[in-house]
Amino acid sequence: MSTQTEVRPDETTRDQTSEDTPKFFHYVKKDKVAESAVMGTYVVALCGEVFPVTRAPKPGSPVCEECKRIYESLPSGR
């Protein structure tokens, strides 16, 4: 029997505008962000969006409301 550790998600991008600036950022598992940025693999956000990581959020960046709601409902420390 093995246990699986859940990692709190990290924020990343999705939904680009025509200016190549993200409309808002999504929450994804932290360990998948670097892999996606380097290898171009796709990540799955808490809200279900699937995309490759292309940009990192800056403080004050807009966040997907669905991801934020799900993230805030997760138990602390998981």
C-alpha atoms as a PDB file:
ATOM      1  CA  MET A   1       0.000   0.000   0.000  1.00  0.00           C
ATOM      2  CA  SER A   2       1.385   3.403  -0.891  1.00  0.00           C
ATOM      3  CA  THR A   3       0.319   6.887  -0.020  1.00  0.00           C
ATOM      4  CA  GLN A   4       0.107   9.774  -2.380  1.00  0.00           C
ATOM      5  CA  THR A   5       1.112  13.275  -1.344  1.00  0.00           C
ATOM      6  CA  GLU A   6      -1.037  16.107  -2.582  1.00  0.00           C
ATOM      7  CA  VAL A   7       0.758  19.341  -3.395  1.00  0.00           C
ATOM      8  CA  ARG A   8      -0.923  22.691  -3.138  1.00  0.00           C
ATOM      9  CA  PRO A   9      -1.227  24.097  -6.621  1.00  0.00           C
ATOM     10  CA  ASP A  10       0.744  26.958  -8.031  1.00  0.00           C
ATOM     11  CA  GLU A  11      -0.574  29.676 -10.303  1.00  0.00           C
ATOM     12  CA  THR A  12       0.199  29.732 -13.997  1.00  0.00           C
ATOM     13  CA  THR A  13      -1.153  31.191 -17.215  1.00  0.00           C
ATOM     14  CA  ARG A  14      -4.005  30.554 -19.586  1.00  0.00           C
ATOM     15  CA  ASP A  15      -6.273  32.441 -21.959  1.00  0.00           C
ATOM     16  CA  GLN A  16      -3.980  34.817 -23.807  1.00  0.00           C
ATOM     17  CA  THR A  17      -5.175  38.095 -25.266  1.00  0.00           C
ATOM     18  CA  SER A  18      -4.264  39.150 -28.788  1.00  0.00           C
ATOM     19  CA  GLU A  19      -1.286  41.035 -27.304  1.00  0.00           C
ATOM     20  CA  ASP A  20       0.158  37.753 -25.908  1.00  0.00           C
ATOM     21  CA  THR A  21      -0.689  38.944 -22.389  1.00  0.00           C
ATOM     22  CA  PRO A  22      -2.669  36.460 -20.258  1.00  0.00           C
ATOM     23  CA  LYS A  23      -6.219  37.483 -19.360  1.00  0.00           C
ATOM     24  CA  PHE A  24      -5.873  35.597 -16.090  1.00  0.00           C
ATOM     25  CA  PHE A  25      -3.818  32.898 -14.382  1.00  0.00           C
ATOM     26  CA  HIS A  26      -4.875  29.419 -13.268  1.00  0.00           C
ATOM     27  CA  TYR A  27      -3.814  27.274 -10.324  1.00  0.00           C
ATOM     28  CA  VAL A  28      -1.907  24.070 -11.199  1.00  0.00           C
ATOM     29  CA  LYS A  29       0.216  21.570  -9.264  1.00  0.00           C
ATOM     30  CA  LYS A  30       3.561  23.137  -8.438  1.00  0.00           C
ATOM     31  CA  ASP A  31       5.625  20.143  -9.557  1.00  0.00           C
ATOM     32  CA  LYS A  32       4.099  20.273 -13.044  1.00  0.00           C
ATOM     33  CA  VAL A  33       4.894  23.945 -13.762  1.00  0.00           C
ATOM     34  CA  ALA A  34       8.649  23.560 -14.427  1.00  0.00           C
ATOM     35  CA  GLU A  35       8.146  20.397 -16.471  1.00  0.00           C
ATOM     36  CA  SER A  36       5.574  22.124 -18.642  1.00  0.00           C
ATOM     37  CA  ALA A  37       7.692  25.251 -19.089  1.00  0.00           C
ATOM     38  CA  VAL A  38      10.762  23.231 -20.126  1.00  0.00           C
ATOM     39  CA  MET A  39       9.240  20.289 -21.986  1.00  0.00           C
ATOM     40  CA  GLY A  40       6.089  21.933 -23.318  1.00  0.00           C
ATOM     41  CA  THR A  41       3.840  19.332 -21.709  1.00  0.00           C
ATOM     42  CA  TYR A  42       0.302  20.288 -20.821  1.00  0.00           C
ATOM     43  CA  VAL A  43      -0.936  20.893 -17.267  1.00  0.00           C
ATOM     44  CA  VAL A  44      -4.448  20.649 -15.852  1.00  0.00           C
ATOM     45  CA  ALA A  45      -5.673  23.594 -13.788  1.00  0.00           C
ATOM     46  CA  LEU A  46      -7.976  23.166 -10.796  1.00  0.00           C
ATOM     47  CA  CYS A  47     -10.871  24.394 -12.942  1.00  0.00           C
ATOM     48  CA  GLY A  48     -10.154  21.748 -15.583  1.00  0.00           C
ATOM     49  CA  GLU A  49      -8.430  23.904 -18.229  1.00  0.00           C
ATOM     50  CA  VAL A  50      -5.608  22.069 -20.026  1.00  0.00           C
ATOM     51  CA  PHE A  51      -2.687  24.084 -21.456  1.00  0.00           C
ATOM     52  CA  PRO A  52       1.119  24.427 -21.588  1.00  0.00           C
ATOM     53  CA  VAL A  53       2.756  26.847 -19.136  1.00  0.00           C
ATOM     54  CA  THR A  54       4.060  29.889 -21.011  1.00  0.00           C
ATOM     55  CA  ARG A  55       4.287  32.673 -18.411  1.00  0.00           C
ATOM     56  CA  ALA A  56       4.686  33.133 -14.658  1.00  0.00           C
ATOM     57  CA  PRO A  57       2.270  35.324 -12.688  1.00  0.00           C
ATOM     58  CA  LYS A  58       3.353  38.551 -11.064  1.00  0.00           C
ATOM     59  CA  PRO A  59       1.844  39.941  -7.854  1.00  0.00           C
ATOM     60  CA  GLY A  60      -1.523  41.477  -8.615  1.00  0.00           C
ATOM     61  CA  SER A  61      -2.105  39.401 -11.766  1.00  0.00           C
ATOM     62  CA  PRO A  62      -5.753  38.438 -12.383  1.00  0.00           C
ATOM     63  CA  VAL A  63      -6.637  34.895 -11.256  1.00  0.00           C
ATOM     64  CA  CYS A  64      -9.256  32.485 -12.617  1.00  0.00           C
ATOM     65  CA  GLU A  65     -12.204  32.783 -10.220  1.00  0.00           C
ATOM     66  CA  GLU A  66     -13.069  29.070 -10.458  1.00  0.00           C
ATOM     67  CA  CYS A  67      -9.481  28.016  -9.649  1.00  0.00           C
ATOM     68  CA  LYS A  68      -9.386  30.473  -6.748  1.00  0.00           C
ATOM     69  CA  ARG A  69     -12.681  29.161  -5.330  1.00  0.00           C
ATOM     70  CA  ILE A  70     -11.474  25.540  -5.533  1.00  0.00           C
ATOM     71  CA  TYR A  71      -8.047  26.393  -4.077  1.00  0.00           C
ATOM     72  CA  GLU A  72      -9.578  28.211  -1.113  1.00  0.00           C
ATOM     73  CA  SER A  73     -11.861  25.235  -0.390  1.00  0.00           C
ATOM     74  CA  LEU A  74      -8.875  22.825  -0.105  1.00  0.00           C
ATOM     75  CA  PRO A  75      -7.773  21.897   3.417  1.00  0.00           C
ATOM     76  CA  SER A  76      -4.652  23.721   4.610  1.00  0.00           C
ATOM     77  CA  GLY A  77      -1.350  21.883   4.316  1.00  0.00           C
ATOM     78  CA  ARG A  78      -2.442  19.540   1.520  1.00  0.00           C
END
